[in-house]
Amino acid sequence: MQAKRIKPWETLIGKVLVKYYHKQSRLEQLRGIEVILLGDIREMEETIKCMMDTPKMTAKYGYSPGGGSNCSDPLASMIEKLENATQKAQQLLPDKYKRLISIRYRIHEIREWMAPFDVAFNRLTEEEKRILEMKYSWRRSNRSIADMFHCTEKRIRSIHYKVIKYITICFQKQSGRKMDAHGAGFYDRIVV
């Protein structure tokens, strides 16, 4: 029995697709962090806004911030806590904004890197997309994918080969260069 000879571009595209699915999961993580940061920022801004209303409250009850008070101690301690929370929020808010900007920039970089793949993937069928995801994200073998799809392993191999070849052609058209035996000009451009 002869061993099937794997073409270099098949291995190369496989490595790039593994990286694509890794970046896709990282993108989902970053979007989750972005949502959490936006919630934190919104909460801090509400705390600061609430503190802006404190002078109205202190004037009403005769309490001067940081000084003596004509009112009961529980109210004074509550206003002190509010002042401390506001100062802390004002100190942390710039850092939260910096982190949010950094995360949004990273999201933009990842989406820019993924854009050529997304264009190629939009033309694939759902079955082809699922096969690629199982193969490169879940690291499933052709046999286990065939079991999931209730078809033969040969059918999965042929679909996989067809899709890999299609993606290679898409990138050759996009870059304007043919990919040689070692993938020169393709891998350098994609795997940054």
N, C-alpha and C. Protein backbone atom coordinates (compact mmCIF):
# COMPACT_ATOMS: atom_id res chain seq x y z
N MET A 1 0.83 -1.17 0.00
CA MET A 1 0.00 0.00 0.00
C MET A 1 0.88 1.24 0.00
N GLN A 2 0.58 2.15 -0.90
CA GLN A 2 1.38 3.37 -1.03
C GLN A 2 0.85 4.45 -0.08
N ALA A 3 1.77 5.16 0.54
CA ALA A 3 1.37 6.27 1.41
C ALA A 3 1.02 7.47 0.53
N LYS A 4 -0.03 8.16 0.90
CA LYS A 4 -0.45 9.32 0.13
C LYS A 4 0.56 10.44 0.36
N ARG A 5 0.96 11.03 -0.71
CA ARG A 5 1.92 12.13 -0.64
C ARG A 5 1.16 13.44 -0.40
N ILE A 6 1.50 14.11 0.67
CA ILE A 6 0.83 15.37 1.01
C ILE A 6 1.59 16.51 0.34
N LYS A 7 0.84 17.35 -0.35
CA LYS A 7 1.44 18.51 -1.01
C LYS A 7 1.78 19.56 0.04
N PRO A 8 2.87 20.29 -0.16
CA PRO A 8 3.29 21.29 0.84
C PRO A 8 2.22 22.35 1.10
N TRP A 9 1.49 22.75 0.07
CA TRP A 9 0.49 23.80 0.28
C TRP A 9 -0.67 23.30 1.14
N GLU A 10 -0.95 21.99 1.13
CA GLU A 10 -2.00 21.46 2.01
C GLU A 10 -1.61 21.62 3.47
N THR A 11 -0.38 21.29 3.79
CA THR A 11 0.11 21.41 5.15
C THR A 11 0.14 22.87 5.57
N LEU A 12 0.58 23.72 4.67
CA LEU A 12 0.68 25.15 4.94
C LEU A 12 -0.69 25.75 5.23
N ILE A 13 -1.67 25.47 4.39
CA ILE A 13 -3.02 25.99 4.61
C ILE A 13 -3.58 25.42 5.91
N GLY A 14 -3.28 24.17 6.21
CA GLY A 14 -3.73 23.58 7.47
C GLY A 14 -3.21 24.35 8.67
N LYS A 15 -1.93 24.71 8.65
CA LYS A 15 -1.35 25.49 9.75
C LYS A 15 -2.02 26.85 9.87
N VAL A 16 -2.28 27.46 8.74
CA VAL A 16 -2.92 28.78 8.74
C VAL A 16 -4.35 28.66 9.27
N LEU A 17 -5.06 27.60 8.92
CA LEU A 17 -6.43 27.42 9.40
C LEU A 17 -6.47 27.15 10.91
N VAL A 18 -5.48 26.44 11.42
CA VAL A 18 -5.40 26.24 12.87
C VAL A 18 -5.26 27.60 13.54
N LYS A 19 -4.40 28.43 12.98
CA LYS A 19 -4.20 29.78 13.53
C LYS A 19 -5.47 30.62 13.41
N TYR A 20 -6.20 30.47 12.30
CA TYR A 20 -7.46 31.19 12.11
C TYR A 20 -8.45 30.85 13.22
N TYR A 21 -8.63 29.57 13.50
CA TYR A 21 -9.60 29.17 14.52
C TYR A 21 -9.13 29.56 15.92
N HIS A 22 -7.82 29.59 16.14
CA HIS A 22 -7.30 30.07 17.41
C HIS A 22 -7.61 31.55 17.58
N LYS A 23 -7.39 32.31 16.52
CA LYS A 23 -7.68 33.75 16.58
C LYS A 23 -9.18 34.00 16.74
N GLN A 24 -9.99 33.14 16.15
CA GLN A 24 -11.43 33.29 16.28
C GLN A 24 -11.86 33.12 17.74
N SER A 25 -11.29 32.13 18.43
CA SER A 25 -11.64 31.95 19.84
C SER A 25 -11.09 33.11 20.68
N ARG A 26 -9.92 33.60 20.33
CA ARG A 26 -9.35 34.75 21.05
C ARG A 26 -10.22 35.99 20.85
N LEU A 27 -10.76 36.16 19.65
CA LEU A 27 -11.64 37.28 19.36
C LEU A 27 -12.88 37.23 20.25
N GLU A 28 -13.44 36.06 20.43
CA GLU A 28 -14.61 35.91 21.31
C GLU A 28 -14.25 36.27 22.75
N GLN A 29 -13.07 35.88 23.21
CA GLN A 29 -12.63 36.23 24.56
C GLN A 29 -12.50 37.74 24.71
N LEU A 30 -11.88 38.37 23.72
CA LEU A 30 -11.69 39.82 23.79
C LEU A 30 -13.01 40.56 23.77
N ARG A 31 -13.97 40.07 22.99
CA ARG A 31 -15.29 40.72 22.97
C ARG A 31 -15.97 40.59 24.33
N GLY A 32 -15.78 39.48 25.01
CA GLY A 32 -16.33 39.32 26.35
C GLY A 32 -15.69 40.29 27.33
N ILE A 33 -14.38 40.44 27.25
CA ILE A 33 -13.68 41.39 28.12
C ILE A 33 -14.14 42.82 27.82
N GLU A 34 -14.36 43.12 26.54
CA GLU A 34 -14.84 44.44 26.15
C GLU A 34 -16.19 44.75 26.79
N VAL A 35 -17.10 43.78 26.79
CA VAL A 35 -18.42 43.98 27.40
C VAL A 35 -18.28 44.24 28.90
N ILE A 36 -17.41 43.47 29.57
CA ILE A 36 -17.20 43.65 31.01
C ILE A 36 -16.62 45.04 31.29
N LEU A 37 -15.63 45.46 30.49
CA LEU A 37 -15.04 46.79 30.69
C LEU A 37 -16.06 47.90 30.48
N LEU A 38 -16.90 47.75 29.46
CA LEU A 38 -17.92 48.77 29.22
C LEU A 38 -18.88 48.86 30.41
N GLY A 39 -19.21 47.72 31.00
CA GLY A 39 -20.06 47.72 32.20
C GLY A 39 -19.37 48.40 33.37
N ASP A 40 -18.08 48.11 33.56
CA ASP A 40 -17.32 48.75 34.64
C ASP A 40 -17.25 50.26 34.45
N ILE A 41 -17.00 50.68 33.22
CA ILE A 41 -16.91 52.12 32.93
C ILE A 41 -18.24 52.79 33.19
N ARG A 42 -19.31 52.16 32.75
CA ARG A 42 -20.65 52.72 32.95
C ARG A 42 -20.94 52.85 34.45
N GLU A 43 -20.57 51.85 35.23
CA GLU A 43 -20.79 51.88 36.68
C GLU A 43 -19.98 52.99 37.34
N MET A 44 -18.72 53.14 36.91
CA MET A 44 -17.87 54.19 37.48
C MET A 44 -18.41 55.58 37.14
N GLU A 45 -18.87 55.75 35.91
CA GLU A 45 -19.41 57.04 35.52
C GLU A 45 -20.69 57.36 36.29
N GLU A 46 -21.49 56.35 36.60
CA GLU A 46 -22.69 56.58 37.40
C GLU A 46 -22.32 56.96 38.83
N THR A 47 -21.26 56.34 39.36
CA THR A 47 -20.79 56.67 40.70
C THR A 47 -20.32 58.12 40.74
N ILE A 48 -19.58 58.51 39.73
CA ILE A 48 -19.09 59.90 39.67
C ILE A 48 -20.26 60.87 39.53
N LYS A 49 -21.24 60.52 38.71
CA LYS A 49 -22.42 61.37 38.54
C LYS A 49 -23.18 61.49 39.85
N CYS A 50 -23.28 60.40 40.57
CA CYS A 50 -23.95 60.39 41.87
C CYS A 50 -23.23 61.33 42.84
N MET A 51 -21.93 61.33 42.77
CA MET A 51 -21.15 62.20 43.66
C MET A 51 -21.38 63.66 43.32
N MET A 52 -21.63 63.92 42.05
CA MET A 52 -21.90 65.30 41.66
C MET A 52 -23.19 65.81 42.32
N ASP A 53 -24.10 64.89 42.64
CA ASP A 53 -25.33 65.25 43.32
C ASP A 53 -25.15 65.35 44.83
N THR A 54 -24.02 64.91 45.36
CA THR A 54 -23.77 64.92 46.81
C THR A 54 -23.81 66.32 47.41
N PRO A 55 -23.24 67.35 46.77
CA PRO A 55 -23.34 68.68 47.39
C PRO A 55 -24.78 69.10 47.64
N LYS A 56 -25.68 68.71 46.75
CA LYS A 56 -27.09 69.05 46.95
C LYS A 56 -27.61 68.31 48.19
N MET A 57 -27.20 67.06 48.34
CA MET A 57 -27.62 66.25 49.46
C MET A 57 -27.02 66.78 50.77
N THR A 58 -25.73 67.13 50.73
CA THR A 58 -25.08 67.59 51.95
C THR A 58 -25.62 68.94 52.40
N ALA A 59 -25.95 69.79 51.46
CA ALA A 59 -26.52 71.08 51.82
C ALA A 59 -27.88 70.90 52.48
N LYS A 60 -28.64 69.95 51.99
CA LYS A 60 -29.97 69.69 52.52
C LYS A 60 -29.90 69.20 53.96
N TYR A 61 -28.91 68.33 54.25
CA TYR A 61 -28.82 67.74 55.58
C TYR A 61 -27.77 68.41 56.47
N GLY A 62 -27.13 69.45 55.99
CA GLY A 62 -26.19 70.21 56.80
C GLY A 62 -24.85 69.53 57.00
N TYR A 63 -24.40 68.77 56.04
CA TYR A 63 -23.10 68.10 56.15
C TYR A 63 -22.15 68.71 55.16
N SER A 64 -20.96 69.06 55.60
CA SER A 64 -19.96 69.57 54.66
C SER A 64 -18.95 68.47 54.42
N PRO A 65 -18.70 68.12 53.14
CA PRO A 65 -17.79 67.02 52.83
C PRO A 65 -16.42 67.25 53.44
N GLY A 66 -15.91 66.21 54.12
CA GLY A 66 -14.58 66.27 54.71
C GLY A 66 -14.54 67.04 56.02
N GLY A 67 -15.65 67.59 56.43
CA GLY A 67 -15.65 68.40 57.65
C GLY A 67 -16.66 67.87 58.66
N GLY A 68 -17.08 68.76 59.53
CA GLY A 68 -18.03 68.39 60.57
C GLY A 68 -19.43 68.23 60.01
N SER A 69 -20.33 67.79 60.87
CA SER A 69 -21.67 67.51 60.42
C SER A 69 -22.67 67.84 61.51
N ASN A 70 -23.84 68.33 61.09
CA ASN A 70 -24.94 68.59 62.02
C ASN A 70 -25.92 67.43 62.02
N CYS A 71 -25.67 66.44 61.17
CA CYS A 71 -26.62 65.32 61.05
C CYS A 71 -26.08 64.09 61.75
N SER A 72 -26.87 63.05 61.73
CA SER A 72 -26.49 61.82 62.42
C SER A 72 -25.28 61.16 61.76
N ASP A 73 -24.53 60.38 62.52
CA ASP A 73 -23.32 59.73 62.03
C ASP A 73 -23.56 58.75 60.88
N PRO A 74 -24.65 57.97 60.85
CA PRO A 74 -24.83 57.05 59.72
C PRO A 74 -24.86 57.76 58.37
N LEU A 75 -25.51 58.90 58.31
CA LEU A 75 -25.56 59.65 57.05
C LEU A 75 -24.18 60.19 56.70
N ALA A 76 -23.46 60.65 57.68
CA ALA A 76 -22.12 61.19 57.44
C ALA A 76 -21.18 60.09 56.94
N SER A 77 -21.28 58.91 57.56
CA SER A 77 -20.41 57.82 57.11
C SER A 77 -20.79 57.36 55.70
N MET A 78 -22.08 57.40 55.38
CA MET A 78 -22.52 57.03 54.03
C MET A 78 -21.95 58.01 53.00
N ILE A 79 -21.97 59.27 53.31
CA ILE A 79 -21.46 60.29 52.39
C ILE A 79 -19.94 60.14 52.26
N GLU A 80 -19.26 59.84 53.36
CA GLU A 80 -17.81 59.59 53.31
C GLU A 80 -17.49 58.42 52.38
N LYS A 81 -18.26 57.33 52.52
CA LYS A 81 -18.05 56.16 51.66
C LYS A 81 -18.28 56.51 50.19
N LEU A 82 -19.30 57.32 49.95
CA LEU A 82 -19.59 57.75 48.58
C LEU A 82 -18.46 58.59 48.02
N GLU A 83 -17.91 59.47 48.84
CA GLU A 83 -16.77 60.28 48.40
C GLU A 83 -15.57 59.39 48.07
N ASN A 84 -15.29 58.43 48.94
CA ASN A 84 -14.15 57.52 48.71
C ASN A 84 -14.35 56.69 47.44
N ALA A 85 -15.55 56.20 47.24
CA ALA A 85 -15.85 55.43 46.03
C ALA A 85 -15.68 56.28 44.78
N THR A 86 -16.09 57.53 44.87
CA THR A 86 -15.97 58.43 43.72
C THR A 86 -14.51 58.73 43.41
N GLN A 87 -13.71 58.97 44.44
CA GLN A 87 -12.29 59.23 44.22
C GLN A 87 -11.62 58.01 43.59
N LYS A 88 -11.97 56.84 44.07
CA LYS A 88 -11.39 55.61 43.52
C LYS A 88 -11.81 55.44 42.05
N ALA A 89 -13.09 55.72 41.77
CA ALA A 89 -13.59 55.60 40.39
C ALA A 89 -12.88 56.60 39.48
N GLN A 90 -12.67 57.81 39.96
CA GLN A 90 -11.99 58.82 39.15
C GLN A 90 -10.54 58.44 38.88
N GLN A 91 -9.91 57.72 39.80
CA GLN A 91 -8.53 57.29 39.60
C GLN A 91 -8.46 56.10 38.63
N LEU A 92 -9.43 55.20 38.73
CA LEU A 92 -9.40 53.99 37.90
C LEU A 92 -9.98 54.18 36.50
N LEU A 93 -10.81 55.17 36.32
CA LEU A 93 -11.50 55.36 35.03
C LEU A 93 -10.54 55.53 33.85
N PRO A 94 -9.48 56.35 33.96
CA PRO A 94 -8.55 56.46 32.81
C PRO A 94 -7.89 55.13 32.45
N ASP A 95 -7.55 54.33 33.47
CA ASP A 95 -6.94 53.02 33.20
C ASP A 95 -7.92 52.09 32.48
N LYS A 96 -9.19 52.14 32.88
CA LYS A 96 -10.21 51.32 32.22
C LYS A 96 -10.36 51.74 30.76
N TYR A 97 -10.36 53.05 30.51
CA TYR A 97 -10.47 53.53 29.13
C TYR A 97 -9.26 53.10 28.30
N LYS A 98 -8.06 53.16 28.89
CA LYS A 98 -6.85 52.73 28.17
C LYS A 98 -6.94 51.25 27.82
N ARG A 99 -7.39 50.45 28.77
CA ARG A 99 -7.51 49.01 28.53
C ARG A 99 -8.57 48.73 27.46
N LEU A 100 -9.68 49.47 27.51
CA LEU A 100 -10.73 49.31 26.51
C LEU A 100 -10.21 49.64 25.12
N ILE A 101 -9.46 50.73 25.00
CA ILE A 101 -8.89 51.11 23.71
C ILE A 101 -7.92 50.04 23.22
N SER A 102 -7.10 49.52 24.12
CA SER A 102 -6.14 48.48 23.76
C SER A 102 -6.87 47.22 23.26
N ILE A 103 -7.92 46.83 23.95
CA ILE A 103 -8.67 45.64 23.54
C ILE A 103 -9.36 45.87 22.21
N ARG A 104 -9.94 47.04 22.03
CA ARG A 104 -10.60 47.33 20.75
C ARG A 104 -9.59 47.34 19.60
N TYR A 105 -8.39 47.82 19.85
CA TYR A 105 -7.35 47.81 18.83
C TYR A 105 -6.98 46.37 18.48
N ARG A 106 -6.83 45.53 19.50
CA ARG A 106 -6.50 44.11 19.27
C ARG A 106 -7.61 43.41 18.50
N ILE A 107 -8.86 43.71 18.84
CA ILE A 107 -10.00 43.15 18.11
C ILE A 107 -9.93 43.56 16.65
N HIS A 108 -9.61 44.82 16.42
CA HIS A 108 -9.49 45.31 15.04
C HIS A 108 -8.39 44.58 14.29
N GLU A 109 -7.23 44.39 14.94
CA GLU A 109 -6.12 43.67 14.30
C GLU A 109 -6.52 42.24 13.92
N ILE A 110 -7.18 41.56 14.85
CA ILE A 110 -7.58 40.17 14.59
C ILE A 110 -8.61 40.11 13.47
N ARG A 111 -9.59 41.01 13.50
CA ARG A 111 -10.61 41.01 12.44
C ARG A 111 -9.99 41.32 11.07
N GLU A 112 -9.00 42.20 11.06
CA GLU A 112 -8.31 42.52 9.81
C GLU A 112 -7.56 41.29 9.28
N TRP A 113 -6.91 40.55 10.18
CA TRP A 113 -6.19 39.34 9.79
C TRP A 113 -7.16 38.28 9.27
N MET A 114 -8.34 38.20 9.89
CA MET A 114 -9.31 37.16 9.55
C MET A 114 -10.14 37.51 8.30
N ALA A 115 -10.15 38.75 7.88
CA ALA A 115 -11.02 39.20 6.78
C ALA A 115 -10.87 38.37 5.50
N PRO A 116 -9.66 38.07 5.03
CA PRO A 116 -9.57 37.26 3.80
C PRO A 116 -10.19 35.87 3.97
N PHE A 117 -10.05 35.30 5.16
CA PHE A 117 -10.64 33.99 5.40
C PHE A 117 -12.16 34.09 5.40
N ASP A 118 -12.67 35.14 6.03
CA ASP A 118 -14.12 35.30 6.09
C ASP A 118 -14.71 35.43 4.69
N VAL A 119 -14.01 36.12 3.81
CA VAL A 119 -14.47 36.24 2.42
C VAL A 119 -14.52 34.87 1.76
N ALA A 120 -13.47 34.10 1.94
CA ALA A 120 -13.43 32.75 1.35
C ALA A 120 -14.47 31.84 2.00
N PHE A 121 -14.64 31.94 3.31
CA PHE A 121 -15.59 31.07 4.02
C PHE A 121 -17.04 31.38 3.68
N ASN A 122 -17.33 32.63 3.32
CA ASN A 122 -18.70 32.99 2.98
C ASN A 122 -19.21 32.22 1.75
N ARG A 123 -18.31 31.75 0.93
CA ARG A 123 -18.70 31.02 -0.28
C ARG A 123 -18.78 29.52 -0.06
N LEU A 124 -18.45 29.06 1.13
CA LEU A 124 -18.52 27.63 1.43
C LEU A 124 -19.91 27.27 1.95
N THR A 125 -20.25 26.01 1.80
CA THR A 125 -21.52 25.53 2.35
C THR A 125 -21.37 25.34 3.86
N GLU A 126 -22.49 25.21 4.55
CA GLU A 126 -22.45 24.98 5.99
C GLU A 126 -21.71 23.68 6.33
N GLU A 127 -21.91 22.66 5.51
CA GLU A 127 -21.24 21.38 5.73
C GLU A 127 -19.73 21.55 5.64
N GLU A 128 -19.27 22.27 4.63
CA GLU A 128 -17.83 22.49 4.44
C GLU A 128 -17.24 23.29 5.60
N LYS A 129 -17.98 24.30 6.05
CA LYS A 129 -17.51 25.11 7.19
C LYS A 129 -17.40 24.26 8.45
N ARG A 130 -18.39 23.42 8.68
CA ARG A 130 -18.37 22.57 9.87
C ARG A 130 -17.23 21.56 9.82
N ILE A 131 -16.97 21.03 8.63
CA ILE A 131 -15.86 20.07 8.48
C ILE A 131 -14.53 20.76 8.79
N LEU A 132 -14.33 21.97 8.27
CA LEU A 132 -13.10 22.70 8.56
C LEU A 132 -12.97 23.01 10.05
N GLU A 133 -14.07 23.42 10.65
CA GLU A 133 -14.03 23.74 12.07
C GLU A 133 -13.70 22.50 12.91
N MET A 134 -14.32 21.37 12.58
CA MET A 134 -14.04 20.15 13.32
C MET A 134 -12.59 19.71 13.13
N LYS A 135 -12.10 19.88 11.92
CA LYS A 135 -10.75 19.43 11.59
C LYS A 135 -9.68 20.32 12.25
N TYR A 136 -9.86 21.65 12.19
CA TYR A 136 -8.80 22.55 12.62
C TYR A 136 -9.03 23.21 13.97
N SER A 137 -10.26 23.30 14.42
CA SER A 137 -10.52 23.88 15.73
C SER A 137 -10.63 22.78 16.79
N TRP A 138 -11.40 21.77 16.49
CA TRP A 138 -11.60 20.67 17.43
C TRP A 138 -10.55 19.58 17.28
N ARG A 139 -9.75 19.65 16.21
CA ARG A 139 -8.68 18.67 15.94
C ARG A 139 -9.20 17.24 15.84
N ARG A 140 -10.30 17.08 15.14
CA ARG A 140 -10.89 15.75 14.94
C ARG A 140 -10.27 15.06 13.74
N SER A 141 -10.26 13.75 13.76
CA SER A 141 -9.75 12.99 12.62
C SER A 141 -10.86 12.87 11.57
N ASN A 142 -10.46 12.50 10.36
CA ASN A 142 -11.45 12.31 9.31
C ASN A 142 -12.48 11.25 9.69
N ARG A 143 -12.02 10.22 10.36
CA ARG A 143 -12.92 9.14 10.75
C ARG A 143 -13.99 9.63 11.74
N SER A 144 -13.58 10.40 12.74
CA SER A 144 -14.57 10.89 13.72
C SER A 144 -15.53 11.91 13.08
N ILE A 145 -15.01 12.71 12.15
CA ILE A 145 -15.88 13.65 11.44
C ILE A 145 -16.88 12.88 10.58
N ALA A 146 -16.42 11.84 9.92
CA ALA A 146 -17.32 11.01 9.11
C ALA A 146 -18.40 10.38 9.97
N ASP A 147 -18.04 9.95 11.16
CA ASP A 147 -19.04 9.39 12.08
C ASP A 147 -20.09 10.43 12.46
N MET A 148 -19.65 11.65 12.69
CA MET A 148 -20.58 12.72 13.06
C MET A 148 -21.53 13.07 11.91
N PHE A 149 -21.01 13.00 10.69
CA PHE A 149 -21.82 13.34 9.51
C PHE A 149 -22.55 12.12 8.93
N HIS A 150 -22.30 10.96 9.49
CA HIS A 150 -22.92 9.72 9.00
C HIS A 150 -22.62 9.50 7.52
N CYS A 151 -21.34 9.61 7.20
CA CYS A 151 -20.91 9.37 5.82
C CYS A 151 -19.56 8.65 5.86
N THR A 152 -18.99 8.44 4.69
CA THR A 152 -17.71 7.73 4.64
C THR A 152 -16.54 8.68 4.87
N GLU A 153 -15.45 8.09 5.28
CA GLU A 153 -14.23 8.86 5.49
C GLU A 153 -13.71 9.42 4.17
N LYS A 154 -13.91 8.69 3.11
CA LYS A 154 -13.48 9.14 1.78
C LYS A 154 -14.20 10.42 1.39
N ARG A 155 -15.48 10.52 1.70
CA ARG A 155 -16.25 11.73 1.37
C ARG A 155 -15.70 12.93 2.15
N ILE A 156 -15.37 12.73 3.40
CA ILE A 156 -14.80 13.82 4.22
C ILE A 156 -13.46 14.26 3.65
N ARG A 157 -12.62 13.29 3.27
CA ARG A 157 -11.31 13.62 2.67
C ARG A 157 -11.48 14.42 1.39
N SER A 158 -12.42 14.00 0.55
CA SER A 158 -12.59 14.70 -0.73
C SER A 158 -13.14 16.12 -0.51
N ILE A 159 -14.08 16.28 0.43
CA ILE A 159 -14.59 17.63 0.73
C ILE A 159 -13.46 18.49 1.30
N HIS A 160 -12.70 17.93 2.21
CA HIS A 160 -11.59 18.65 2.82
C HIS A 160 -10.58 19.09 1.76
N TYR A 161 -10.21 18.18 0.89
CA TYR A 161 -9.24 18.49 -0.17
C TYR A 161 -9.78 19.61 -1.07
N LYS A 162 -11.06 19.51 -1.44
CA LYS A 162 -11.67 20.51 -2.31
C LYS A 162 -11.67 21.89 -1.65
N VAL A 163 -12.00 21.94 -0.38
CA VAL A 163 -12.06 23.21 0.34
C VAL A 163 -10.66 23.81 0.50
N ILE A 164 -9.69 22.99 0.85
CA ILE A 164 -8.32 23.48 1.01
C ILE A 164 -7.80 24.04 -0.32
N LYS A 165 -8.09 23.34 -1.38
CA LYS A 165 -7.66 23.81 -2.69
C LYS A 165 -8.35 25.14 -3.04
N TYR A 166 -9.64 25.23 -2.74
CA TYR A 166 -10.39 26.47 -3.00
C TYR A 166 -9.81 27.64 -2.22
N ILE A 167 -9.52 27.43 -0.95
CA ILE A 167 -8.96 28.51 -0.12
C ILE A 167 -7.59 28.94 -0.65
N THR A 168 -6.79 27.98 -1.07
CA THR A 168 -5.48 28.29 -1.64
C THR A 168 -5.63 29.16 -2.88
N ILE A 169 -6.56 28.79 -3.76
CA ILE A 169 -6.79 29.57 -4.98
C ILE A 169 -7.26 30.98 -4.65
N CYS A 170 -8.13 31.10 -3.64
CA CYS A 170 -8.60 32.43 -3.23
C CYS A 170 -7.44 33.33 -2.81
N PHE A 171 -6.51 32.78 -2.03
CA PHE A 171 -5.38 33.58 -1.58
C PHE A 171 -4.38 33.85 -2.69
N GLN A 172 -4.25 32.93 -3.63
CA GLN A 172 -3.36 33.20 -4.76
C GLN A 172 -3.93 34.34 -5.59
N LYS A 173 -5.23 34.36 -5.78
CA LYS A 173 -5.85 35.46 -6.53
C LYS A 173 -5.70 36.77 -5.77
N GLN A 174 -5.89 36.71 -4.47
CA GLN A 174 -5.82 37.91 -3.66
C GLN A 174 -4.42 38.50 -3.62
N SER A 175 -3.42 37.64 -3.47
CA SER A 175 -2.05 38.14 -3.37
C SER A 175 -1.43 38.41 -4.73
N GLY A 176 -2.01 37.82 -5.78
CA GLY A 176 -1.47 38.02 -7.12
C GLY A 176 -0.24 37.18 -7.40
N ARG A 177 0.08 36.24 -6.52
CA ARG A 177 1.25 35.39 -6.70
C ARG A 177 0.86 33.93 -6.65
N LYS A 178 1.58 33.14 -7.39
CA LYS A 178 1.41 31.69 -7.32
C LYS A 178 2.19 31.20 -6.11
N MET A 179 1.67 30.18 -5.50
CA MET A 179 2.35 29.62 -4.35
C MET A 179 3.26 28.51 -4.84
N ASP A 180 4.54 28.62 -4.53
CA ASP A 180 5.47 27.58 -4.96
C ASP A 180 5.42 26.39 -4.00
N ALA A 181 6.32 25.47 -4.19
CA ALA A 181 6.30 24.23 -3.41
C ALA A 181 6.46 24.47 -1.91
N HIS A 182 7.10 25.56 -1.53
CA HIS A 182 7.31 25.83 -0.12
C HIS A 182 6.35 26.88 0.43
N GLY A 183 5.46 27.38 -0.41
CA GLY A 183 4.49 28.36 0.06
C GLY A 183 5.07 29.76 0.20
N ALA A 184 6.19 30.03 -0.45
CA ALA A 184 6.82 31.35 -0.33
C ALA A 184 5.87 32.42 -0.83
N GLY A 185 5.82 33.52 -0.12
CA GLY A 185 4.97 34.63 -0.52
C GLY A 185 3.57 34.51 0.03
N PHE A 186 3.18 33.33 0.42
CA PHE A 186 1.83 33.15 0.95
C PHE A 186 1.89 33.10 2.47
N TYR A 187 2.71 32.22 2.99
CA TYR A 187 2.78 32.02 4.42
C TYR A 187 3.30 33.28 5.12
N ASP A 188 4.28 33.94 4.53
CA ASP A 188 4.84 35.15 5.13
C ASP A 188 3.78 36.23 5.27
N ARG A 189 2.89 36.32 4.30
CA ARG A 189 1.87 37.35 4.29
C ARG A 189 0.75 37.04 5.27
N ILE A 190 0.41 35.77 5.45
CA ILE A 190 -0.75 35.39 6.25
C ILE A 190 -0.41 35.17 7.72
N VAL A 191 0.72 34.59 8.03
CA VAL A 191 1.01 34.18 9.41
C VAL A 191 1.80 35.25 10.14
N VAL A 192 1.23 36.40 10.30
CA VAL A 192 1.89 37.49 11.02
C VAL A 192 1.42 37.48 12.45
